């Protein structure tokens, strides 16, 4: 099963060093994408997820990884506190929620019942 968190997936894919540019056939595309999504979900430390992988955040494993990172930071701080001019470092945590085109709180009352709710519709003057 391929699980992916796609924020700007096409750009990320196209900037991969091994991206072929053109695929020979559907099988070639499928094989490349399977390898890519495995890498993206399990190895790619995502800046939007505070350096955790999508799999770690999705499964909740980021908590144990964060504990290990914090232990390492604490050890370094204890050994050389003068190197940390802003005080004891803490591990940044991923955001509580991640969304594609989130609805702003001020637009929460604007809901279209029978179609997709795009938050930009009200800004564009769409009235139903």
N, C-alpha and C. Protein backbone atom coordinates (compact mmCIF):
# COMPACT_ATOMS: atom_id res chain seq x y z
N UNK A 1 0.84 -1.18 0.00
CA UNK A 1 0.00 0.00 0.00
C UNK A 1 0.89 1.24 0.00
N UNK A 2 0.59 2.15 -0.86
CA UNK A 2 1.37 3.38 -0.95
C UNK A 2 0.63 4.46 -0.17
N UNK A 3 1.30 5.00 0.85
CA UNK A 3 0.74 6.11 1.62
C UNK A 3 1.63 7.30 1.35
N UNK A 4 1.05 8.39 0.96
CA UNK A 4 1.87 9.57 0.70
C UNK A 4 1.22 10.81 1.27
N UNK A 5 2.02 11.71 1.72
CA UNK A 5 1.56 13.01 2.17
C UNK A 5 2.04 13.97 1.10
N UNK A 6 1.12 14.45 0.26
CA UNK A 6 1.55 15.24 -0.88
C UNK A 6 1.21 16.71 -0.69
N UNK A 7 2.20 17.50 -0.44
CA UNK A 7 1.99 18.94 -0.33
C UNK A 7 2.38 19.58 -1.66
N UNK A 8 3.54 19.34 -2.11
CA UNK A 8 3.97 19.81 -3.44
C UNK A 8 4.69 18.65 -4.10
N UNK A 9 3.97 17.55 -4.17
CA UNK A 9 4.55 16.28 -4.59
C UNK A 9 5.21 16.32 -5.97
N UNK A 10 4.58 16.95 -6.93
CA UNK A 10 5.14 16.93 -8.27
C UNK A 10 6.48 17.65 -8.32
N UNK A 11 6.59 18.78 -7.64
CA UNK A 11 7.86 19.50 -7.62
C UNK A 11 8.93 18.67 -6.94
N UNK A 12 8.57 18.05 -5.81
CA UNK A 12 9.53 17.22 -5.10
C UNK A 12 9.98 16.06 -5.98
N UNK A 13 9.04 15.43 -6.66
CA UNK A 13 9.39 14.31 -7.55
C UNK A 13 10.31 14.77 -8.67
N UNK A 14 9.95 15.84 -9.32
CA UNK A 14 10.73 16.29 -10.47
C UNK A 14 12.13 16.74 -10.10
N UNK A 15 12.34 17.14 -8.85
CA UNK A 15 13.66 17.58 -8.42
C UNK A 15 14.52 16.44 -7.90
N UNK A 16 14.02 15.22 -7.96
CA UNK A 16 14.83 14.07 -7.55
C UNK A 16 15.94 13.86 -8.58
N UNK A 17 17.16 13.57 -8.13
CA UNK A 17 18.27 13.36 -9.08
C UNK A 17 18.03 12.23 -10.07
N UNK A 18 17.27 11.21 -9.68
CA UNK A 18 17.05 10.07 -10.58
C UNK A 18 15.73 10.15 -11.35
N UNK A 19 15.05 11.31 -11.28
CA UNK A 19 13.80 11.45 -12.02
C UNK A 19 14.08 11.32 -13.51
N UNK A 20 13.41 10.39 -14.20
CA UNK A 20 13.75 10.12 -15.59
C UNK A 20 13.31 11.18 -16.60
N UNK A 21 12.46 12.10 -16.21
CA UNK A 21 11.98 13.09 -17.17
C UNK A 21 10.84 12.54 -18.00
N UNK A 22 11.08 11.44 -18.64
CA UNK A 22 10.05 10.73 -19.41
C UNK A 22 10.11 9.27 -19.02
N UNK A 23 8.96 8.66 -18.93
CA UNK A 23 8.90 7.24 -18.63
C UNK A 23 8.72 6.46 -19.92
N UNK A 24 9.34 5.30 -19.97
CA UNK A 24 9.26 4.46 -21.18
C UNK A 24 7.85 3.90 -21.38
N UNK A 25 7.21 3.53 -20.28
CA UNK A 25 5.86 2.98 -20.33
C UNK A 25 5.26 3.03 -18.92
N UNK A 26 4.04 2.54 -18.80
CA UNK A 26 3.36 2.58 -17.50
C UNK A 26 4.10 1.76 -16.45
N UNK A 27 4.67 0.67 -16.84
CA UNK A 27 5.41 -0.18 -15.90
C UNK A 27 6.63 0.56 -15.35
N UNK A 28 7.34 1.25 -16.22
CA UNK A 28 8.51 2.04 -15.80
C UNK A 28 8.07 3.12 -14.82
N UNK A 29 6.98 3.82 -15.10
CA UNK A 29 6.48 4.88 -14.22
C UNK A 29 6.05 4.30 -12.88
N UNK A 30 5.34 3.17 -12.92
CA UNK A 30 4.89 2.53 -11.68
C UNK A 30 6.06 2.12 -10.81
N UNK A 31 7.06 1.52 -11.40
CA UNK A 31 8.24 1.07 -10.65
C UNK A 31 8.98 2.26 -10.04
N UNK A 32 9.19 3.31 -10.82
CA UNK A 32 9.89 4.49 -10.30
C UNK A 32 9.09 5.13 -9.16
N UNK A 33 7.78 5.25 -9.33
CA UNK A 33 6.94 5.88 -8.31
C UNK A 33 6.89 5.04 -7.03
N UNK A 34 6.86 3.72 -7.14
CA UNK A 34 6.87 2.88 -5.94
C UNK A 34 8.14 3.11 -5.13
N UNK A 35 9.29 3.13 -5.82
CA UNK A 35 10.56 3.40 -5.13
C UNK A 35 10.57 4.80 -4.52
N UNK A 36 10.07 5.77 -5.28
CA UNK A 36 10.05 7.15 -4.81
C UNK A 36 9.18 7.30 -3.57
N UNK A 37 7.96 6.73 -3.58
CA UNK A 37 7.06 6.88 -2.44
C UNK A 37 7.59 6.15 -1.21
N UNK A 38 8.26 5.02 -1.40
CA UNK A 38 8.90 4.36 -0.26
C UNK A 38 9.95 5.29 0.35
N UNK A 39 10.79 5.88 -0.48
CA UNK A 39 11.81 6.81 0.02
C UNK A 39 11.14 8.00 0.70
N UNK A 40 10.16 8.60 0.05
CA UNK A 40 9.51 9.81 0.57
C UNK A 40 8.87 9.55 1.93
N UNK A 41 8.17 8.45 2.06
CA UNK A 41 7.43 8.17 3.29
C UNK A 41 8.29 7.68 4.44
N UNK A 42 9.36 6.94 4.14
CA UNK A 42 10.13 6.28 5.18
C UNK A 42 11.52 6.85 5.41
N UNK A 43 12.07 7.61 4.47
CA UNK A 43 13.44 8.11 4.61
C UNK A 43 13.55 9.63 4.54
N UNK A 44 12.64 10.27 3.86
CA UNK A 44 12.69 11.72 3.65
C UNK A 44 12.31 12.47 4.93
N UNK A 45 13.26 13.21 5.48
CA UNK A 45 13.00 14.01 6.68
C UNK A 45 12.45 15.36 6.23
N UNK A 46 11.16 15.52 6.39
CA UNK A 46 10.41 16.61 5.81
C UNK A 46 10.52 17.88 6.66
N UNK A 47 10.89 18.99 6.03
CA UNK A 47 11.02 20.25 6.77
C UNK A 47 9.67 20.72 7.32
N UNK A 48 8.59 20.46 6.64
CA UNK A 48 7.27 20.85 7.11
C UNK A 48 6.77 20.00 8.28
N UNK A 49 7.49 18.89 8.56
CA UNK A 49 7.14 18.01 9.67
C UNK A 49 8.22 18.04 10.74
N UNK A 50 8.95 19.15 10.82
CA UNK A 50 10.00 19.35 11.83
C UNK A 50 11.13 18.33 11.72
N UNK A 51 11.41 17.89 10.52
CA UNK A 51 12.53 16.96 10.32
C UNK A 51 12.17 15.50 10.52
N UNK A 52 10.92 15.20 10.75
CA UNK A 52 10.49 13.81 10.89
C UNK A 52 10.03 13.30 9.52
N UNK A 53 9.98 11.98 9.37
CA UNK A 53 9.47 11.41 8.12
C UNK A 53 7.94 11.36 8.18
N UNK A 54 7.28 11.36 7.03
CA UNK A 54 5.82 11.24 7.05
C UNK A 54 5.35 9.98 7.79
N UNK A 55 6.05 8.88 7.62
CA UNK A 55 5.67 7.63 8.30
C UNK A 55 5.74 7.80 9.81
N UNK A 56 6.78 8.46 10.32
CA UNK A 56 6.92 8.66 11.76
C UNK A 56 5.76 9.48 12.32
N UNK A 57 5.36 10.51 11.59
CA UNK A 57 4.27 11.36 12.05
C UNK A 57 2.94 10.61 11.93
N UNK A 58 2.73 9.92 10.83
CA UNK A 58 1.47 9.22 10.59
C UNK A 58 1.23 8.12 11.62
N UNK A 59 2.29 7.38 11.99
CA UNK A 59 2.14 6.27 12.93
C UNK A 59 2.31 6.69 14.39
N UNK A 60 2.79 7.92 14.63
CA UNK A 60 3.02 8.38 15.99
C UNK A 60 4.41 8.03 16.51
N UNK A 61 5.24 7.37 15.68
CA UNK A 61 6.59 7.02 16.11
C UNK A 61 7.46 8.24 16.34
N UNK A 62 7.04 9.40 15.85
CA UNK A 62 7.84 10.62 16.03
C UNK A 62 8.07 10.90 17.51
N UNK A 63 7.16 10.46 18.37
CA UNK A 63 7.32 10.71 19.81
C UNK A 63 8.56 10.03 20.36
N UNK A 64 8.76 8.76 20.02
CA UNK A 64 9.95 8.04 20.51
C UNK A 64 11.22 8.56 19.84
N UNK A 65 11.12 8.94 18.58
CA UNK A 65 12.27 9.53 17.89
C UNK A 65 12.64 10.87 18.54
N UNK A 66 11.62 11.66 18.88
CA UNK A 66 11.86 12.96 19.53
C UNK A 66 12.52 12.77 20.89
N UNK A 67 12.11 11.74 21.63
CA UNK A 67 12.73 11.48 22.93
C UNK A 67 14.22 11.17 22.77
N UNK A 68 14.55 10.34 21.77
CA UNK A 68 15.96 10.00 21.52
C UNK A 68 16.75 11.24 21.10
N UNK A 69 16.14 12.07 20.24
CA UNK A 69 16.81 13.31 19.82
C UNK A 69 17.03 14.24 21.02
N UNK A 70 16.02 14.33 21.88
CA UNK A 70 16.13 15.21 23.04
C UNK A 70 17.22 14.72 24.00
N UNK A 71 17.35 13.41 24.18
CA UNK A 71 18.42 12.87 25.02
C UNK A 71 19.79 13.25 24.47
N UNK A 72 19.92 13.17 23.13
CA UNK A 72 21.19 13.54 22.51
C UNK A 72 21.47 15.04 22.69
N UNK A 73 20.45 15.86 22.51
CA UNK A 73 20.62 17.31 22.71
C UNK A 73 20.97 17.63 24.15
N UNK A 74 20.31 16.97 25.09
CA UNK A 74 20.60 17.20 26.51
C UNK A 74 22.03 16.82 26.84
N UNK A 75 22.49 15.70 26.29
CA UNK A 75 23.87 15.25 26.51
C UNK A 75 24.85 16.29 25.99
N UNK A 76 24.62 16.79 24.78
CA UNK A 76 25.52 17.80 24.20
C UNK A 76 25.49 19.10 25.01
N UNK A 77 24.31 19.45 25.47
CA UNK A 77 24.19 20.67 26.27
C UNK A 77 24.96 20.53 27.59
N UNK A 78 24.83 19.39 28.23
CA UNK A 78 25.53 19.17 29.50
C UNK A 78 27.05 19.21 29.31
N UNK A 79 27.53 18.70 28.19
CA UNK A 79 28.98 18.68 27.92
C UNK A 79 29.53 20.06 27.58
N UNK A 80 28.76 20.85 26.83
CA UNK A 80 29.23 22.15 26.36
C UNK A 80 28.12 23.19 26.39
N UNK A 81 27.67 23.60 27.55
CA UNK A 81 26.56 24.57 27.60
C UNK A 81 26.90 25.91 26.97
N UNK A 82 28.17 26.28 26.95
CA UNK A 82 28.56 27.57 26.37
C UNK A 82 28.32 27.63 24.87
N UNK A 83 28.18 26.50 24.23
CA UNK A 83 27.94 26.49 22.78
C UNK A 83 26.49 26.83 22.45
N UNK A 84 25.63 26.78 23.43
CA UNK A 84 24.21 27.01 23.21
C UNK A 84 23.83 28.37 23.79
N UNK A 85 24.05 29.41 23.01
CA UNK A 85 23.87 30.78 23.49
C UNK A 85 22.41 31.13 23.78
N UNK A 86 21.49 30.39 23.22
CA UNK A 86 20.07 30.65 23.47
C UNK A 86 19.49 29.71 24.52
N UNK A 87 20.34 29.02 25.24
CA UNK A 87 19.87 28.13 26.29
C UNK A 87 19.72 26.69 25.83
N UNK A 88 19.14 25.89 26.70
CA UNK A 88 18.96 24.46 26.43
C UNK A 88 18.11 24.25 25.17
N UNK A 89 18.62 23.48 24.22
CA UNK A 89 17.83 23.24 22.99
C UNK A 89 16.71 22.23 23.22
N UNK A 90 15.66 22.38 22.46
CA UNK A 90 14.56 21.41 22.50
C UNK A 90 14.25 20.95 21.09
N UNK A 91 13.78 19.74 20.98
CA UNK A 91 13.45 19.16 19.68
C UNK A 91 12.15 19.79 19.19
N UNK A 92 12.15 20.35 17.98
CA UNK A 92 10.89 20.87 17.44
C UNK A 92 9.95 19.71 17.11
N UNK A 93 8.68 19.92 17.33
CA UNK A 93 7.68 18.88 17.07
C UNK A 93 6.90 19.23 15.81
N UNK A 94 6.35 18.21 15.15
CA UNK A 94 5.57 18.49 13.93
C UNK A 94 4.29 19.24 14.28
N UNK A 95 3.70 19.90 13.29
CA UNK A 95 2.45 20.62 13.55
C UNK A 95 1.34 19.67 13.96
N UNK A 96 0.37 20.18 14.69
CA UNK A 96 -0.77 19.36 15.15
C UNK A 96 -1.62 18.86 13.99
N UNK A 97 -1.72 19.67 12.95
CA UNK A 97 -2.49 19.24 11.77
C UNK A 97 -1.80 19.76 10.52
N UNK A 98 -1.98 19.02 9.46
CA UNK A 98 -1.44 19.39 8.16
C UNK A 98 -2.60 19.33 7.18
N UNK A 99 -2.74 20.35 6.34
CA UNK A 99 -3.87 20.38 5.41
C UNK A 99 -3.43 20.97 4.08
N UNK A 100 -4.12 20.55 3.06
CA UNK A 100 -3.95 21.13 1.74
C UNK A 100 -5.14 22.07 1.55
N UNK A 101 -4.87 23.32 1.25
CA UNK A 101 -5.92 24.34 1.12
C UNK A 101 -6.84 24.38 2.34
N UNK A 102 -6.27 24.66 3.53
CA UNK A 102 -7.12 24.69 4.73
C UNK A 102 -8.12 25.85 4.69
N UNK A 103 -9.25 25.64 5.32
CA UNK A 103 -10.26 26.69 5.42
C UNK A 103 -9.88 27.58 6.60
N UNK A 104 -9.74 28.86 6.35
CA UNK A 104 -9.40 29.80 7.40
C UNK A 104 -10.56 29.91 8.38
N UNK A 105 -10.25 30.19 9.66
CA UNK A 105 -11.30 30.28 10.68
C UNK A 105 -12.34 31.33 10.32
N UNK A 106 -11.91 32.41 9.68
CA UNK A 106 -12.85 33.48 9.33
C UNK A 106 -13.79 33.06 8.21
N UNK A 107 -13.43 32.01 7.48
CA UNK A 107 -14.27 31.54 6.38
C UNK A 107 -15.00 30.26 6.74
N UNK A 108 -14.96 29.86 8.00
CA UNK A 108 -15.55 28.60 8.43
C UNK A 108 -17.05 28.52 8.22
N UNK A 109 -17.75 29.65 8.21
CA UNK A 109 -19.20 29.63 8.04
C UNK A 109 -19.61 29.48 6.58
N UNK A 110 -18.67 29.68 5.67
CA UNK A 110 -18.98 29.60 4.25
C UNK A 110 -18.78 28.16 3.78
N UNK A 111 -19.86 27.41 3.65
CA UNK A 111 -19.78 26.01 3.25
C UNK A 111 -20.76 25.79 2.11
N UNK A 112 -20.28 25.11 1.09
CA UNK A 112 -21.14 24.74 -0.03
C UNK A 112 -21.52 23.28 0.17
N UNK A 113 -22.79 23.00 0.27
CA UNK A 113 -23.25 21.66 0.63
C UNK A 113 -23.04 20.61 -0.45
N UNK A 114 -23.20 20.97 -1.71
CA UNK A 114 -23.21 19.95 -2.74
C UNK A 114 -21.98 19.93 -3.63
N UNK A 115 -20.90 20.56 -3.22
CA UNK A 115 -19.67 20.51 -4.00
C UNK A 115 -18.48 20.78 -3.07
N UNK A 116 -17.30 20.71 -3.62
CA UNK A 116 -16.09 20.90 -2.84
C UNK A 116 -16.01 22.33 -2.33
N UNK A 117 -15.59 22.49 -1.07
CA UNK A 117 -15.48 23.82 -0.48
C UNK A 117 -14.06 24.35 -0.68
N UNK A 118 -13.90 25.25 -1.59
CA UNK A 118 -12.61 25.90 -1.79
C UNK A 118 -12.64 27.23 -1.05
N UNK A 119 -11.69 27.45 -0.11
CA UNK A 119 -11.72 28.67 0.68
C UNK A 119 -11.57 29.93 -0.16
N UNK A 120 -11.06 29.80 -1.37
CA UNK A 120 -10.88 30.99 -2.21
C UNK A 120 -12.17 31.42 -2.89
N UNK A 121 -13.22 30.60 -2.84
CA UNK A 121 -14.46 30.95 -3.53
C UNK A 121 -15.07 32.23 -2.95
N UNK A 122 -15.08 32.35 -1.63
CA UNK A 122 -15.67 33.55 -1.05
C UNK A 122 -14.83 34.78 -1.37
N UNK A 123 -13.51 34.62 -1.42
CA UNK A 123 -12.64 35.75 -1.76
C UNK A 123 -12.85 36.18 -3.21
N UNK A 124 -13.27 35.24 -4.05
CA UNK A 124 -13.50 35.56 -5.46
C UNK A 124 -14.91 36.09 -5.69
N UNK A 125 -15.68 36.19 -4.61
CA UNK A 125 -17.02 36.75 -4.75
C UNK A 125 -18.07 35.74 -5.16
N UNK A 126 -17.75 34.44 -5.03
CA UNK A 126 -18.72 33.42 -5.40
C UNK A 126 -19.86 33.42 -4.38
N UNK A 127 -21.07 33.59 -4.86
CA UNK A 127 -22.23 33.57 -4.00
C UNK A 127 -23.19 32.55 -4.59
N UNK A 128 -23.72 31.73 -3.74
CA UNK A 128 -24.62 30.68 -4.22
C UNK A 128 -26.03 31.07 -3.96
